[in-house]
N, C-alpha and C. Protein backbone atom coordinates (compact mmCIF):
# COMPACT_ATOMS: atom_id res chain seq x y z
N MET A 1 -3.49 91.62 123.14
CA MET A 1 -4.92 91.54 123.37
C MET A 1 -5.60 91.04 122.09
N ALA A 2 -6.50 90.09 122.23
CA ALA A 2 -7.20 89.50 121.09
C ALA A 2 -8.29 90.44 120.59
N ALA A 3 -8.57 90.33 119.30
CA ALA A 3 -9.64 91.15 118.71
C ALA A 3 -10.99 90.68 119.24
N ARG A 4 -11.92 91.63 119.37
CA ARG A 4 -13.26 91.31 119.90
C ARG A 4 -14.33 91.81 118.94
N ASN A 5 -15.44 91.07 118.89
CA ASN A 5 -16.60 91.46 118.11
C ASN A 5 -17.23 92.66 118.82
N ASP A 6 -17.45 93.76 118.07
CA ASP A 6 -18.00 94.98 118.68
C ASP A 6 -19.40 94.78 119.23
N ILE A 7 -20.18 93.91 118.63
CA ILE A 7 -21.57 93.74 119.05
C ILE A 7 -21.70 92.74 120.18
N THR A 8 -21.10 91.56 120.02
CA THR A 8 -21.28 90.51 121.03
C THR A 8 -20.20 90.54 122.10
N GLY A 9 -19.07 91.13 121.77
CA GLY A 9 -17.96 91.15 122.71
C GLY A 9 -17.17 89.85 122.73
N ASP A 10 -17.55 88.89 121.86
CA ASP A 10 -16.83 87.62 121.80
C ASP A 10 -15.46 87.82 121.17
N GLU A 11 -14.54 86.98 121.59
CA GLU A 11 -13.21 87.01 121.00
C GLU A 11 -13.29 86.49 119.57
N ILE A 12 -12.59 87.14 118.65
CA ILE A 12 -12.59 86.72 117.25
C ILE A 12 -11.40 85.79 117.05
N LYS A 13 -11.72 84.55 116.66
CA LYS A 13 -10.66 83.58 116.39
C LYS A 13 -11.16 82.59 115.34
N SER A 14 -10.22 82.06 114.58
CA SER A 14 -10.56 81.09 113.53
C SER A 14 -10.84 79.74 114.15
N LYS A 15 -11.82 79.06 113.61
CA LYS A 15 -12.13 77.70 114.05
C LYS A 15 -11.43 76.72 113.12
N THR A 16 -11.23 75.52 113.59
CA THR A 16 -10.68 74.49 112.71
C THR A 16 -11.77 74.08 111.72
N SER A 17 -11.35 73.66 110.54
CA SER A 17 -12.33 73.28 109.53
C SER A 17 -12.93 71.93 109.86
N SER A 18 -14.21 71.80 109.58
CA SER A 18 -14.92 70.55 109.83
C SER A 18 -14.84 69.66 108.59
N SER A 19 -15.26 68.42 108.74
CA SER A 19 -15.26 67.52 107.59
C SER A 19 -16.29 67.99 106.56
N ALA A 20 -17.39 68.60 107.00
CA ALA A 20 -18.38 69.14 106.06
C ALA A 20 -17.76 70.25 105.22
N TYR A 21 -16.97 71.09 105.86
CA TYR A 21 -16.28 72.17 105.14
C TYR A 21 -15.33 71.58 104.09
N GLU A 22 -14.54 70.58 104.52
CA GLU A 22 -13.57 69.97 103.59
C GLU A 22 -14.27 69.24 102.45
N ASP A 23 -15.40 68.57 102.73
CA ASP A 23 -16.16 67.91 101.67
C ASP A 23 -16.70 68.93 100.68
N GLY A 24 -17.20 70.05 101.19
CA GLY A 24 -17.69 71.12 100.32
C GLY A 24 -16.57 71.69 99.46
N TRP A 25 -15.42 71.86 100.06
CA TRP A 25 -14.25 72.38 99.32
C TRP A 25 -13.91 71.43 98.17
N ASP A 26 -13.89 70.13 98.46
CA ASP A 26 -13.58 69.15 97.43
C ASP A 26 -14.64 69.13 96.33
N ARG A 27 -15.92 69.29 96.70
CA ARG A 27 -16.99 69.31 95.68
C ARG A 27 -16.86 70.53 94.78
N ILE A 28 -16.48 71.65 95.33
CA ILE A 28 -16.38 72.88 94.54
C ILE A 28 -15.10 72.91 93.72
N PHE A 29 -13.98 72.64 94.36
CA PHE A 29 -12.69 72.82 93.69
C PHE A 29 -12.07 71.52 93.22
N GLY A 30 -12.65 70.41 93.58
CA GLY A 30 -12.14 69.12 93.14
C GLY A 30 -10.94 68.67 93.95
N LYS A 31 -10.77 67.38 93.96
CA LYS A 31 -9.61 66.83 94.65
C LYS A 31 -8.42 66.89 93.73
N LYS A 32 -7.24 66.92 94.33
CA LYS A 32 -6.02 66.94 93.54
C LYS A 32 -5.83 65.59 92.86
N GLU A 33 -5.27 65.65 91.67
CA GLU A 33 -4.97 64.42 90.94
C GLU A 33 -3.92 63.64 91.72
N PRO A 34 -4.04 62.31 91.75
CA PRO A 34 -3.03 61.53 92.44
C PRO A 34 -1.67 61.67 91.73
N THR A 35 -0.61 61.66 92.50
CA THR A 35 0.73 61.75 91.92
C THR A 35 1.10 60.41 91.31
N VAL A 36 2.17 60.40 90.54
CA VAL A 36 2.67 59.15 89.96
C VAL A 36 3.01 58.17 91.08
N GLN A 37 3.61 58.65 92.15
CA GLN A 37 3.95 57.77 93.26
C GLN A 37 2.70 57.19 93.92
N ASP A 38 1.62 57.98 93.99
CA ASP A 38 0.35 57.47 94.53
C ASP A 38 -0.19 56.34 93.65
N LYS A 39 -0.14 56.55 92.34
CA LYS A 39 -0.62 55.53 91.40
C LYS A 39 0.21 54.26 91.51
N ILE A 40 1.54 54.44 91.60
CA ILE A 40 2.42 53.28 91.72
C ILE A 40 2.10 52.50 92.99
N LYS A 41 1.97 53.19 94.10
CA LYS A 41 1.69 52.53 95.38
C LYS A 41 0.37 51.75 95.32
N ASP A 42 -0.68 52.39 94.79
CA ASP A 42 -1.98 51.72 94.69
C ASP A 42 -1.89 50.46 93.83
N ARG A 43 -1.22 50.57 92.70
CA ARG A 43 -1.14 49.43 91.78
C ARG A 43 -0.24 48.33 92.32
N MET A 44 0.86 48.71 92.97
CA MET A 44 1.73 47.70 93.57
C MET A 44 1.01 46.98 94.71
N ASP A 45 0.27 47.72 95.52
CA ASP A 45 -0.50 47.10 96.60
C ASP A 45 -1.51 46.11 96.03
N HIS A 46 -2.17 46.51 94.93
CA HIS A 46 -3.16 45.62 94.31
C HIS A 46 -2.48 44.38 93.74
N LEU A 47 -1.35 44.57 93.06
CA LEU A 47 -0.62 43.42 92.53
C LEU A 47 -0.19 42.48 93.64
N GLN A 48 0.27 43.02 94.74
CA GLN A 48 0.68 42.19 95.87
C GLN A 48 -0.50 41.37 96.40
N GLN A 49 -1.66 41.99 96.51
CA GLN A 49 -2.85 41.25 96.95
C GLN A 49 -3.19 40.12 95.99
N LEU A 50 -3.11 40.41 94.70
CA LEU A 50 -3.41 39.37 93.71
C LEU A 50 -2.43 38.21 93.79
N MET A 51 -1.14 38.55 93.89
CA MET A 51 -0.12 37.51 93.92
C MET A 51 -0.23 36.69 95.20
N GLU A 52 -0.42 37.35 96.33
CA GLU A 52 -0.51 36.63 97.60
C GLU A 52 -1.75 35.75 97.68
N GLY A 53 -2.78 36.10 96.91
CA GLY A 53 -3.97 35.27 96.84
C GLY A 53 -3.88 34.20 95.77
N ASN A 54 -2.72 34.13 95.09
CA ASN A 54 -2.49 33.19 93.99
C ASN A 54 -3.53 33.32 92.88
N ASN A 55 -4.03 34.52 92.72
CA ASN A 55 -5.01 34.77 91.65
C ASN A 55 -4.39 34.64 90.26
N HIS A 56 -3.06 34.73 90.18
CA HIS A 56 -2.38 34.59 88.89
C HIS A 56 -2.50 33.17 88.33
N LEU A 57 -2.84 32.22 89.18
CA LEU A 57 -3.00 30.85 88.71
C LEU A 57 -4.32 30.65 87.98
N SER A 58 -5.35 31.37 88.40
CA SER A 58 -6.67 31.20 87.78
C SER A 58 -7.06 32.38 86.88
N ARG A 59 -6.44 33.53 87.07
CA ARG A 59 -6.81 34.73 86.30
C ARG A 59 -5.56 35.38 85.72
N MET A 60 -4.80 34.60 84.99
CA MET A 60 -3.51 35.02 84.48
C MET A 60 -3.58 36.31 83.67
N GLU A 61 -4.53 36.40 82.77
CA GLU A 61 -4.63 37.59 81.90
C GLU A 61 -4.90 38.86 82.71
N TYR A 62 -5.78 38.76 83.68
CA TYR A 62 -6.10 39.92 84.50
C TYR A 62 -4.88 40.38 85.29
N VAL A 63 -4.19 39.43 85.92
CA VAL A 63 -3.01 39.78 86.72
C VAL A 63 -1.92 40.36 85.82
N LEU A 64 -1.76 39.83 84.62
CA LEU A 64 -0.79 40.41 83.67
C LEU A 64 -1.18 41.84 83.29
N ASP A 65 -2.48 42.10 83.17
CA ASP A 65 -2.93 43.48 82.91
C ASP A 65 -2.54 44.41 84.05
N VAL A 66 -2.66 43.94 85.28
CA VAL A 66 -2.27 44.75 86.43
C VAL A 66 -0.76 44.99 86.41
N VAL A 67 0.00 43.95 86.09
CA VAL A 67 1.46 44.09 85.99
C VAL A 67 1.80 45.16 84.95
N GLU A 68 1.14 45.11 83.80
CA GLU A 68 1.41 46.10 82.75
C GLU A 68 1.00 47.50 83.18
N SER A 69 -0.07 47.60 83.96
CA SER A 69 -0.54 48.93 84.38
C SER A 69 0.46 49.61 85.32
N VAL A 70 1.24 48.84 86.03
CA VAL A 70 2.27 49.44 86.89
C VAL A 70 3.62 49.51 86.17
N SER A 71 3.86 48.61 85.24
CA SER A 71 5.13 48.59 84.51
C SER A 71 5.33 49.82 83.64
N LYS A 72 4.24 50.46 83.26
CA LYS A 72 4.38 51.67 82.42
C LYS A 72 5.06 52.81 83.18
N PHE A 73 5.19 52.66 84.50
CA PHE A 73 5.89 53.65 85.32
C PHE A 73 7.32 53.19 85.64
N TRP A 74 7.87 52.30 84.82
CA TRP A 74 9.13 51.63 85.11
C TRP A 74 10.23 52.60 85.55
N SER A 75 10.38 53.71 84.86
CA SER A 75 11.47 54.63 85.19
C SER A 75 11.30 55.28 86.56
N ALA A 76 10.08 55.30 87.09
CA ALA A 76 9.81 55.91 88.39
C ALA A 76 9.75 54.87 89.52
N LEU A 77 9.85 53.59 89.17
CA LEU A 77 9.74 52.54 90.18
C LEU A 77 11.04 52.40 90.98
N SER A 78 10.89 52.01 92.23
CA SER A 78 12.06 51.71 93.06
C SER A 78 12.64 50.37 92.60
N GLU A 79 13.87 50.10 92.99
CA GLU A 79 14.49 48.82 92.65
C GLU A 79 13.70 47.67 93.27
N GLU A 80 13.19 47.88 94.47
CA GLU A 80 12.39 46.86 95.14
C GLU A 80 11.13 46.54 94.35
N ASP A 81 10.45 47.58 93.85
CA ASP A 81 9.24 47.36 93.05
C ASP A 81 9.57 46.66 91.73
N LYS A 82 10.67 47.05 91.11
CA LYS A 82 11.08 46.40 89.85
C LYS A 82 11.36 44.91 90.08
N ASP A 83 12.06 44.60 91.17
CA ASP A 83 12.33 43.20 91.50
C ASP A 83 11.04 42.42 91.73
N TYR A 84 10.10 43.05 92.44
CA TYR A 84 8.82 42.39 92.74
C TYR A 84 8.09 42.09 91.43
N ILE A 85 8.05 43.05 90.53
CA ILE A 85 7.35 42.87 89.25
C ILE A 85 7.99 41.75 88.44
N GLN A 86 9.32 41.73 88.38
CA GLN A 86 10.00 40.68 87.62
C GLN A 86 9.74 39.30 88.22
N THR A 87 9.74 39.22 89.53
CA THR A 87 9.45 37.95 90.20
C THR A 87 8.00 37.54 89.97
N ALA A 88 7.11 38.51 90.02
CA ALA A 88 5.69 38.23 89.76
C ALA A 88 5.50 37.73 88.33
N ARG A 89 6.14 38.37 87.37
CA ARG A 89 6.03 37.92 85.97
C ARG A 89 6.48 36.47 85.83
N TYR A 90 7.60 36.15 86.48
CA TYR A 90 8.09 34.77 86.42
C TYR A 90 7.05 33.80 86.99
N ALA A 91 6.51 34.14 88.15
CA ALA A 91 5.51 33.26 88.78
C ALA A 91 4.26 33.13 87.91
N ILE A 92 3.87 34.20 87.25
CA ILE A 92 2.69 34.16 86.38
C ILE A 92 2.96 33.26 85.17
N GLU A 93 4.09 33.51 84.49
CA GLU A 93 4.40 32.77 83.26
C GLU A 93 4.64 31.29 83.53
N GLU A 94 5.27 30.98 84.67
CA GLU A 94 5.56 29.60 85.01
C GLU A 94 4.45 28.94 85.83
N GLN A 95 3.39 29.71 86.12
CA GLN A 95 2.27 29.23 86.93
C GLN A 95 2.75 28.63 88.26
N ARG A 96 3.66 29.38 88.90
CA ARG A 96 4.19 28.99 90.21
C ARG A 96 3.32 29.56 91.31
N GLU A 97 3.13 28.78 92.34
CA GLU A 97 2.36 29.25 93.49
C GLU A 97 3.17 30.30 94.24
N TRP A 98 2.49 31.32 94.74
CA TRP A 98 3.11 32.39 95.52
C TRP A 98 2.83 32.04 96.97
N ASN A 99 3.84 31.52 97.66
CA ASN A 99 3.64 30.98 99.00
C ASN A 99 3.75 32.05 100.07
N ILE A 100 2.65 32.25 100.77
CA ILE A 100 2.57 33.16 101.92
C ILE A 100 1.65 32.52 102.95
N PRO A 101 1.65 33.04 104.18
CA PRO A 101 0.73 32.48 105.18
C PRO A 101 -0.73 32.59 104.72
N GLU A 102 -1.51 31.59 105.01
CA GLU A 102 -2.90 31.49 104.57
C GLU A 102 -3.75 32.69 104.97
N GLU A 103 -3.53 33.24 106.18
CA GLU A 103 -4.36 34.35 106.65
C GLU A 103 -4.16 35.64 105.87
N ASN A 104 -3.10 35.71 105.07
CA ASN A 104 -2.84 36.93 104.30
C ASN A 104 -3.35 36.85 102.86
N LYS A 105 -3.94 35.74 102.47
CA LYS A 105 -4.40 35.58 101.09
C LYS A 105 -5.71 36.32 100.85
N LEU A 106 -5.83 36.87 99.65
CA LEU A 106 -7.04 37.56 99.23
C LEU A 106 -7.44 37.01 97.87
N VAL A 107 -8.69 36.63 97.72
CA VAL A 107 -9.17 36.09 96.45
C VAL A 107 -10.04 37.14 95.78
N ILE A 108 -9.70 37.45 94.52
CA ILE A 108 -10.47 38.40 93.72
C ILE A 108 -11.17 37.60 92.63
N ASN A 109 -12.49 37.69 92.54
CA ASN A 109 -13.23 36.89 91.58
C ASN A 109 -13.70 37.66 90.36
N GLU A 110 -13.60 38.98 90.39
CA GLU A 110 -14.02 39.76 89.22
C GLU A 110 -13.13 40.98 89.08
N ASP A 111 -13.10 41.55 87.88
CA ASP A 111 -12.29 42.73 87.64
C ASP A 111 -12.77 43.86 88.52
N ASP A 112 -11.81 44.64 89.03
CA ASP A 112 -12.17 45.70 89.96
C ASP A 112 -11.69 47.07 89.52
N GLY A 113 -11.37 47.23 88.24
CA GLY A 113 -11.12 48.56 87.70
C GLY A 113 -9.70 49.07 87.83
N TYR A 114 -8.74 48.24 88.20
CA TYR A 114 -7.39 48.73 88.37
C TYR A 114 -6.60 48.78 87.08
N THR A 115 -7.05 48.13 86.04
CA THR A 115 -6.31 48.19 84.79
C THR A 115 -6.86 49.30 83.92
N ASP A 116 -6.04 49.73 83.01
CA ASP A 116 -6.44 50.83 82.12
C ASP A 116 -7.27 50.35 80.95
């Protein structure tokens, strides 16, 4: 038998938390720091967008900064990520076009805060 409120007679049960509750929790206690793997994923995704947009041809220094920002996690990177970074470095240094389908290209025209 479920517990009941003595005054109203309603069944006592926990409700699911709302987004307002979760936002308040985050404001009071703060969000958890991103893990190293979270940082790696974000930076690798950003590097991929830059490379696929061929931004390394016009903004070489910025793209190299992004490469360095993820390379500092070298010991935690997967072999696939290490290979991608090495290939990206080659394309940057040799000013080679990164060939992908046109609909997947993204052009970044200003710094967006991903480098340290």
